[in-house]
Structure formats: structure tokens, C-alpha cells
Amino acid sequence: MNNDDLLRQRAIDFTHKKIRMSKFEHSTQQHDMSLPPNCEDFGRIHHFRLHPSSNWITNPLPHEPACKYLHMEIPEILPVQLFQISVCNINCWYCFVDKKLRSGSPKHSAFCSPDELLKKARQEKQPRIIVLSGGQPDLVPEYNLWFLQARESLGMEKSHFIWTDDNLSTDLFFNTMTEEQMDYMRTRPGYARVGCLKGFDAKSASFNARTNLSFFDEQMKRLKKLVDIGFNQYAYVTLTTPDIDKIDLRIGHFLDRLQNQIHEDFPLKTVPLEIYKYAVNSNRFKDQASKNQYTVLKHWVREMNIRFRTKIHHHNNLIRRNSNDFEHI
């Protein structure tokens, strides 16, 4: 049994349809949280910012799909209810999750059903945008499936949007879900997914996720499968890298691959994530790689403007008309 299967086995209770979920109290991650845990320590409120910082570009995820579904104006700060599965199969140096919260440790997690978690969120009148994160959700694809089924059975499908954030690191989703289950998930209203590419080429992804050089190609193949199935699929990409040699060519090649292998417009659904230092990652943080991300971002913006100038202008205008205090990038 490989590591993915072991982590999956540790994190799922088929008999009672429960998932081993992280609990935040007394964790290092709790020090980085602006609000105390909720939903009996299984959840936390996260705030997505349309403008992450003065050094970064607009990040419209998950604002755009969530607000469109819920008929909300796009705000500058979007609070969401977030739940974290307690297992992950990679070890990114910049991860903001406490290692003990992604190893499936019974000391820092417990089994809970999606039905129970949604009921807790509704009873506490938490935000109507639910983020299923981790860890790596796709180590236990039932995590997403059972949440969507519970949302429907509880009559919350019209009132609550679900956003899955995974790291494209395993094939368990494709190997364990039936076509019928995939089709159910694909056709659910108010559901979208984002997969985080851990770099923009083999070198940066291997460095960031501390994996082998084939990892990036495997991520791209999984992303293509999800798009081909027909999910409302987006992507994040982290631009941290140990060096910026030939960075213009590397970014150009990355965008070529997104357009040629995924979809010609998929770069417009791909958003660079700014990497920050937190208490939980401070002892493993790579300062130079963090500085390099801002140089890489400049090349990303330049190349995107060359390829999509008209579409980006139209897209930003749409956000501006639906956002408070929007600042054009």
C-alpha cells in the first residue's frame, strides 16, 4: 500500500460516512488565525482578499464564481467558512498548515460527517460560502461528494456555494469515483474547484513541493482530466522559485502549455498566489524564493497582457462594476 492509500485509509470512515477533519485548538496554525475556530473547533473563518497586497495582482477567486451563484456583489474582502481535511501527501516549504494538522493525527483531528459540519455552520449562521480545503481533499474524494450530497439533502443547495481547493497531487479521485459519482459532482449547481499548481515548471514545482521533477507534469495531466470531465475548474499557481534564470522563456512556455494542453483561455482561469511568511512556516521559509516571486509576477503580467489584453480589460471592468473600492491593476 502506497502513502496516498495509507493516508486515505487513515482519514475515512466508510461505515458512518465520516472524514477525519483537523481541529485547530492548540495548533501553531491557530496563532495565524484572525478569529477563533468555530463549528466546535472543526472550522474557521477565512478572508479572501480581492487585492492580496500592494505588491500583487487582483485575485478574483473564489469571489467570482461564488458571488455570481449567490447573486452577491463582489466585495473587497470575502469571508468564507473553511473546513480542513487532516491529511496531505506533499510537504510544501511555504505551507500555512501546521504539519500535525495534515498527518491525520488523532491528537489534532477527529471524525465528523459533512452532514454534521454543514448543520453546525448553518446553526451558527456562518458564511454561505463553504471551502473544502486541507491538507489534500482528493486523498479522500468522498469528502467532496458527501458534502455535496449533504448540502442537497439539507436543502442548502440554493443558499450555499461550495469551493474545493486541492493540490493536484494524486489520482485517487479518478481511480475511486465512479462515472455516476463524477457526473453528480460535475452537474451540481453552486460548486467549483481550484487546483494549485505548485510551480510554473518542473524545477519550481519540485522545489516548492519538495517532490521529484515529474510532479509538475503529473499535476498538469490531472488538471486536464478535471477540465475534460467538465468541472467548473480553476487553477492557482505559486511563482516562488530558487532562481529566475531565463524567466521570460519559462513563463512563456508555461502559458503555452496551459493554452495547448488545457484550453486556449485557461490562463484566464489561472491565478498566481502570493506566498507569505506565517508563524507556522517561519522555520522553513525560503526568503530568496519568496523575493523571486515578485520578479516572476512581472513577467506573468507582461505575457498575459500580450496574449489577452482585450479579455483582461473586459474582465477587470466586470469586477470593478461589482466590487466596492476596486483598484484597476
Protein backbone atom coordinates (compact mmCIF):
# COMPACT_ATOMS: atom_id res chain seq x y z
CA MET A 1 0.00 0.00 0.00
CA ASN A 2 1.48 3.37 -1.04
CA ASN A 3 1.48 6.56 1.04
CA ASP A 4 -1.61 8.02 -0.66
CA ASP A 5 -3.60 4.88 0.15
CA LEU A 6 -2.37 4.87 3.75
CA LEU A 7 -3.37 8.49 4.29
CA ARG A 8 -6.74 7.84 2.65
CA GLN A 9 -7.35 4.84 4.90
CA ARG A 10 -6.44 6.94 7.96
CA ALA A 11 -8.87 9.72 7.05
CA ILE A 12 -12.13 7.99 6.11
CA ASP A 13 -14.82 6.06 7.96
CA PHE A 14 -16.98 4.42 5.29
CA THR A 15 -19.38 2.84 7.77
CA HIS A 16 -20.54 6.17 9.20
CA LYS A 17 -19.67 8.36 6.18
CA LYS A 18 -17.26 10.46 8.22
CA ILE A 19 -13.97 12.20 7.39
CA ARG A 20 -11.05 12.83 9.75
CA MET A 21 -11.07 16.62 9.99
CA SER A 22 -8.47 18.94 11.51
CA LYS A 23 -9.17 20.58 14.87
CA PHE A 24 -7.45 23.91 15.37
CA GLU A 25 -7.24 24.45 19.09
CA HIS A 26 -3.65 24.39 20.46
CA SER A 27 -2.15 24.19 16.96
CA THR A 28 0.54 26.52 15.60
CA GLN A 29 -1.84 27.43 12.80
CA GLN A 30 -4.23 28.91 15.35
CA HIS A 31 -1.69 31.69 16.01
CA ASP A 32 -2.11 32.86 12.39
CA MET A 33 -5.91 32.94 12.57
CA SER A 34 -7.63 36.30 13.00
CA LEU A 35 -10.71 34.70 14.57
CA PRO A 36 -11.10 31.75 16.94
CA PRO A 37 -12.12 28.36 15.50
CA ASN A 38 -15.83 27.68 15.06
CA CYS A 39 -18.13 24.72 14.45
CA GLU A 40 -16.89 23.03 17.64
CA ASP A 41 -13.24 23.50 16.57
CA PHE A 42 -13.70 21.82 13.18
CA GLY A 43 -13.94 25.06 11.19
CA ARG A 44 -12.50 28.51 10.81
CA ILE A 45 -13.42 31.74 9.06
CA HIS A 46 -11.03 32.67 6.26
CA HIS A 47 -11.00 36.05 4.50
CA PHE A 48 -10.21 36.08 0.78
CA ARG A 49 -8.98 39.46 -0.44
CA LEU A 50 -9.58 40.72 -3.96
CA HIS A 51 -6.29 42.62 -3.65
CA PRO A 52 -3.96 40.48 -1.54
CA SER A 53 -1.31 43.20 -1.17
CA SER A 54 0.08 46.31 -2.84
CA ASN A 55 2.73 44.10 -4.48
CA TRP A 56 0.32 41.66 -6.09
CA ILE A 57 -2.37 41.50 -8.75
CA THR A 58 -6.09 41.01 -8.28
CA ASN A 59 -7.17 37.59 -7.06
CA PRO A 60 -10.84 37.09 -8.03
CA LEU A 61 -11.08 33.56 -6.57
CA PRO A 62 -13.39 32.38 -5.22
CA HIS A 63 -15.16 35.77 -5.35
CA GLU A 64 -16.30 35.49 -8.97
CA PRO A 65 -17.96 32.04 -9.10
CA ALA A 66 -19.29 32.23 -5.53
CA CYS A 67 -20.79 35.72 -5.74
CA LYS A 68 -22.28 35.05 -9.16
CA TYR A 69 -24.05 31.97 -7.84
CA LEU A 70 -25.30 33.66 -4.67
CA HIS A 71 -26.30 36.88 -6.52
CA MET A 72 -23.93 38.97 -4.39
CA GLU A 73 -21.85 41.97 -5.32
CA ILE A 74 -18.14 41.14 -5.33
CA PRO A 75 -16.64 42.58 -2.13
CA GLU A 76 -13.04 43.50 -1.45
CA ILE A 77 -12.95 41.03 1.47
CA LEU A 78 -14.91 37.80 1.20
CA PRO A 79 -15.40 35.78 4.42
CA VAL A 80 -15.89 32.04 3.95
CA GLN A 81 -16.47 29.04 6.20
CA LEU A 82 -13.47 26.74 5.80
CA PHE A 83 -13.01 23.10 6.77
CA GLN A 84 -9.66 21.26 6.54
CA ILE A 85 -9.23 17.56 5.95
CA SER A 86 -6.41 16.35 8.18
CA VAL A 87 -4.13 14.60 5.65
CA CYS A 88 -1.74 15.74 2.92
CA ASN A 89 0.71 13.79 0.76
CA ILE A 90 3.19 16.58 -0.06
CA ASN A 91 5.24 18.90 2.13
CA CYS A 92 5.47 22.39 0.60
CA TRP A 93 8.02 24.61 2.35
CA TYR A 94 5.59 27.55 2.38
CA CYS A 95 2.52 25.63 3.60
CA PHE A 96 0.50 27.63 6.14
CA VAL A 97 -0.95 24.47 7.70
CA ASP A 98 0.65 23.01 10.80
CA LYS A 99 2.28 19.66 9.95
CA LYS A 100 0.44 17.96 12.80
CA LEU A 101 -2.82 19.11 11.17
CA ARG A 102 -2.06 17.29 7.90
CA SER A 103 -0.76 13.95 9.16
CA GLY A 104 -4.10 12.50 10.27
CA SER A 105 -3.02 12.54 13.91
CA PRO A 106 -5.91 11.62 16.27
CA LYS A 107 -4.49 14.17 18.74
CA HIS A 108 -5.32 17.04 16.38
CA SER A 109 -8.29 15.71 14.40
CA ALA A 110 -11.50 13.73 14.74
CA PHE A 111 -14.04 12.04 12.53
CA CYS A 112 -17.03 14.15 11.56
CA SER A 113 -19.58 13.83 8.78
CA PRO A 114 -20.20 16.53 6.16
CA ASP A 115 -23.83 16.49 7.28
CA GLU A 116 -22.77 17.38 10.83
CA LEU A 117 -20.39 20.10 9.67
CA LEU A 118 -22.98 21.77 7.45
CA LYS A 119 -25.53 21.68 10.24
CA LYS A 120 -23.04 23.31 12.62
CA ALA A 121 -22.27 26.05 10.08
CA ARG A 122 -25.96 26.72 9.49
CA GLN A 123 -26.82 26.78 13.19
CA GLU A 124 -24.01 29.27 13.86
CA LYS A 125 -25.09 31.39 10.84
CA GLN A 126 -21.61 31.21 9.34
CA PRO A 127 -20.83 32.46 5.78
CA ARG A 128 -22.73 30.81 2.95
CA ILE A 129 -19.54 30.05 1.03
CA ILE A 130 -18.05 26.72 2.16
CA VAL A 131 -14.40 25.99 1.34
CA LEU A 132 -13.24 22.36 1.47
CA SER A 133 -9.50 22.52 1.93
CA GLY A 134 -6.66 20.71 3.60
CA GLY A 135 -4.38 19.06 3.53
CA GLN A 136 -5.33 17.40 0.27
CA PRO A 137 -9.08 16.85 -0.22
CA ASP A 138 -8.59 14.44 -3.11
CA LEU A 139 -6.88 11.88 -0.90
CA VAL A 140 -10.49 11.26 0.15
CA PRO A 141 -12.68 12.20 -2.86
CA GLU A 142 -15.73 11.23 -0.81
CA TYR A 143 -15.02 14.40 1.21
CA ASN A 144 -16.33 16.48 -1.71
CA LEU A 145 -19.01 14.02 -2.80
CA TRP A 146 -20.54 13.62 0.67
CA PHE A 147 -20.51 17.38 1.25
CA LEU A 148 -22.43 17.96 -1.98
CA GLN A 149 -24.90 15.20 -1.13
CA ALA A 150 -25.38 16.58 2.39
CA ARG A 151 -25.88 20.12 1.08
CA GLU A 152 -28.62 18.83 -1.23
CA SER A 153 -30.35 16.68 1.42
CA LEU A 154 -30.32 19.57 3.93
CA GLY A 155 -31.94 21.92 1.42
CA MET A 156 -28.87 24.18 1.33
CA GLU A 157 -28.03 23.85 -2.37
CA LYS A 158 -29.53 27.19 -3.39
CA SER A 159 -28.25 29.08 -0.36
CA HIS A 160 -24.67 27.76 -0.07
CA PHE A 161 -21.79 27.66 -2.55
CA ILE A 162 -19.06 25.01 -2.22
CA TRP A 163 -15.46 25.58 -3.33
CA THR A 164 -12.91 22.72 -3.30
CA ASP A 165 -9.21 23.63 -3.05
CA ASP A 166 -6.87 20.70 -3.80
CA ASN A 167 -3.22 20.34 -4.87
CA LEU A 168 -3.45 18.04 -7.91
CA SER A 169 -1.11 15.55 -6.27
CA THR A 170 -2.96 12.24 -6.55
CA ASP A 171 -5.00 10.14 -8.98
CA LEU A 172 -7.32 8.80 -6.26
CA PHE A 173 -10.20 10.95 -7.49
CA PHE A 174 -10.11 9.31 -10.92
CA ASN A 175 -9.40 5.83 -9.51
CA THR A 176 -12.07 5.73 -6.80
CA MET A 177 -15.00 7.79 -8.09
CA THR A 178 -17.46 6.10 -10.44
CA GLU A 179 -18.64 7.84 -13.60
CA GLU A 180 -22.02 8.30 -11.93
CA GLN A 181 -20.43 9.98 -8.90
CA MET A 182 -18.27 12.23 -11.07
CA ASP A 183 -21.30 13.19 -13.11
CA TYR A 184 -23.26 14.03 -9.95
CA MET A 185 -20.46 16.31 -8.73
CA ARG A 186 -19.93 17.90 -12.13
CA THR A 187 -23.59 18.84 -12.50
CA ARG A 188 -24.17 20.20 -9.00
CA PRO A 189 -25.13 23.88 -9.06
CA GLY A 190 -23.04 26.17 -6.91
CA TYR A 191 -19.91 24.02 -6.98
CA ALA A 192 -16.47 24.87 -8.35
CA ARG A 193 -12.95 23.54 -7.92
CA VAL A 194 -9.47 25.03 -7.89
CA GLY A 195 -6.26 23.03 -8.24
CA CYS A 196 -2.98 24.53 -7.04
CA LEU A 197 -0.05 24.12 -9.41
CA LYS A 198 2.96 24.16 -7.11
CA GLY A 199 5.12 25.98 -9.63
CA PHE A 200 5.23 27.06 -13.27
CA ASP A 201 7.65 24.38 -14.46
CA ALA A 202 9.25 21.14 -13.28
CA LYS A 203 12.07 22.90 -11.45
CA SER A 204 9.95 25.35 -9.46
CA ALA A 205 7.24 22.79 -8.62
CA SER A 206 9.79 20.22 -7.45
CA PHE A 207 11.47 22.86 -5.30
CA ASN A 208 8.23 24.15 -3.79
CA ALA A 209 6.54 20.81 -3.09
CA ARG A 210 9.80 19.01 -2.34
CA THR A 211 8.96 16.28 -4.84
CA ASN A 212 10.58 14.74 -7.92
CA LEU A 213 10.85 16.56 -11.25
CA SER A 214 7.96 14.62 -12.79
CA PHE A 215 5.49 16.11 -10.29
CA PHE A 216 4.65 19.17 -12.39
CA ASP A 217 3.79 17.12 -15.50
CA GLU A 218 1.58 14.90 -13.36
CA GLN A 219 -0.23 17.95 -11.96
CA MET A 220 -0.87 19.25 -15.48
CA LYS A 221 -2.31 15.88 -16.58
CA ARG A 222 -4.69 15.81 -13.62
CA LEU A 223 -5.78 19.38 -14.27
CA LYS A 224 -6.58 18.47 -17.88
CA LYS A 225 -8.64 15.47 -16.77
CA LEU A 226 -10.75 17.63 -14.46
CA VAL A 227 -11.34 20.20 -17.21
CA ASP A 228 -12.18 17.46 -19.73
CA ILE A 229 -14.70 15.91 -17.31
CA GLY A 230 -16.45 19.27 -17.32
CA PHE A 231 -15.97 20.64 -13.82
CA ASN A 232 -16.12 24.38 -13.26
CA GLN A 233 -12.36 24.23 -12.78
CA TYR A 234 -9.85 26.95 -11.92
CA ALA A 235 -6.16 26.91 -11.04
CA TYR A 236 -3.80 28.64 -8.67
CA VAL A 237 -0.08 28.80 -9.39
CA THR A 238 2.72 29.63 -6.99
CA LEU A 239 5.56 31.66 -8.53
CA THR A 240 8.21 31.05 -5.87
CA THR A 241 11.38 29.62 -7.39
CA PRO A 242 15.02 29.12 -6.38
CA ASP A 243 16.22 31.14 -9.37
CA ILE A 244 14.94 33.39 -12.16
CA ASP A 245 17.22 32.21 -14.97
CA LYS A 246 15.53 32.68 -18.38
CA ILE A 247 12.34 33.55 -16.54
CA ASP A 248 10.69 35.20 -19.55
CA LEU A 249 11.06 32.00 -21.58
CA ARG A 250 9.91 29.81 -18.69
CA ILE A 251 6.73 31.82 -18.10
CA GLY A 252 6.04 31.89 -21.84
CA HIS A 253 6.41 28.13 -22.00
CA PHE A 254 4.10 27.67 -19.01
CA LEU A 255 1.36 29.75 -20.64
CA ASP A 256 1.89 27.83 -23.88
CA ARG A 257 1.28 24.60 -22.01
CA LEU A 258 -1.89 25.91 -20.35
CA GLN A 259 -3.24 27.03 -23.72
CA ASN A 260 -2.18 23.99 -25.71
CA GLN A 261 -2.79 21.23 -23.16
CA ILE A 262 -5.75 22.54 -21.14
CA HIS A 263 -7.63 25.24 -23.09
CA GLU A 264 -6.63 28.31 -25.06
CA ASP A 265 -8.34 30.57 -22.50
CA PHE A 266 -7.39 28.63 -19.37
CA PRO A 267 -4.69 31.13 -18.34
CA LEU A 268 -7.61 33.49 -17.64
CA LYS A 269 -8.84 30.97 -15.05
CA THR A 270 -5.36 30.64 -13.52
CA VAL A 271 -4.42 32.98 -10.67
CA PRO A 272 -0.94 33.43 -9.15
CA LEU A 273 -0.93 33.13 -5.36
CA GLU A 274 1.26 35.38 -3.25
CA ILE A 275 3.28 33.41 -0.70
CA TYR A 276 3.59 34.82 2.81
CA LYS A 277 5.56 34.05 5.93
CA TYR A 278 3.42 32.90 8.86
CA ALA A 279 4.22 31.66 12.34
CA VAL A 280 3.62 28.10 11.20
CA ASN A 281 6.07 28.18 8.24
CA SER A 282 8.67 30.62 9.59
CA ASN A 283 11.28 27.96 10.39
CA ARG A 284 11.22 26.56 6.83
CA PHE A 285 10.54 29.72 4.84
CA LYS A 286 12.77 30.38 1.78
CA ASP A 287 13.35 34.13 1.74
CA GLN A 288 15.07 34.33 -1.65
CA ALA A 289 12.43 32.20 -3.33
CA SER A 290 9.81 34.46 -1.81
CA LYS A 291 11.56 37.56 -3.21
CA ASN A 292 11.82 35.90 -6.62
CA GLN A 293 8.04 35.54 -6.90
CA TYR A 294 7.67 39.30 -7.46
CA THR A 295 10.09 39.24 -10.39
CA VAL A 296 8.26 36.25 -11.86
CA LEU A 297 4.93 38.04 -11.40
CA LYS A 298 6.11 40.94 -13.59
CA HIS A 299 6.83 38.51 -16.41
CA TRP A 300 3.48 36.82 -15.86
CA VAL A 301 1.61 40.14 -16.14
CA ARG A 302 3.58 41.18 -19.22
CA GLU A 303 2.98 37.88 -21.00
CA MET A 304 -0.70 37.77 -20.06
CA ASN A 305 -1.22 41.29 -21.39
CA ILE A 306 0.38 40.34 -24.67
CA ARG A 307 -1.88 37.31 -25.07
CA PHE A 308 -5.14 38.50 -23.51
CA ARG A 309 -5.10 42.31 -23.33
CA THR A 310 -8.70 42.78 -24.54
CA LYS A 311 -10.15 39.97 -22.45
CA ILE A 312 -8.30 41.06 -19.29
CA HIS A 313 -9.57 44.63 -19.72
CA HIS A 314 -13.15 43.40 -20.12
CA HIS A 315 -12.77 41.01 -17.15
CA ASN A 316 -11.42 43.73 -14.85
CA ASN A 317 -14.21 46.10 -15.82
CA LEU A 318 -16.77 43.43 -14.87
CA ILE A 319 -15.15 43.06 -11.45
CA ARG A 320 -14.98 46.83 -10.99
CA ARG A 321 -18.71 47.22 -11.66
CA ASN A 322 -19.46 44.60 -8.99
CA SER A 323 -16.88 45.46 -6.37
CA ASN A 324 -16.55 48.00 -3.61
CA ASP A 325 -13.34 50.03 -3.74
CA PHE A 326 -11.93 48.23 -6.80
CA GLU A 327 -8.47 49.33 -7.90
CA HIS A 328 -7.63 48.54 -11.53
CA ILE A 329 -4.38 46.59 -11.90
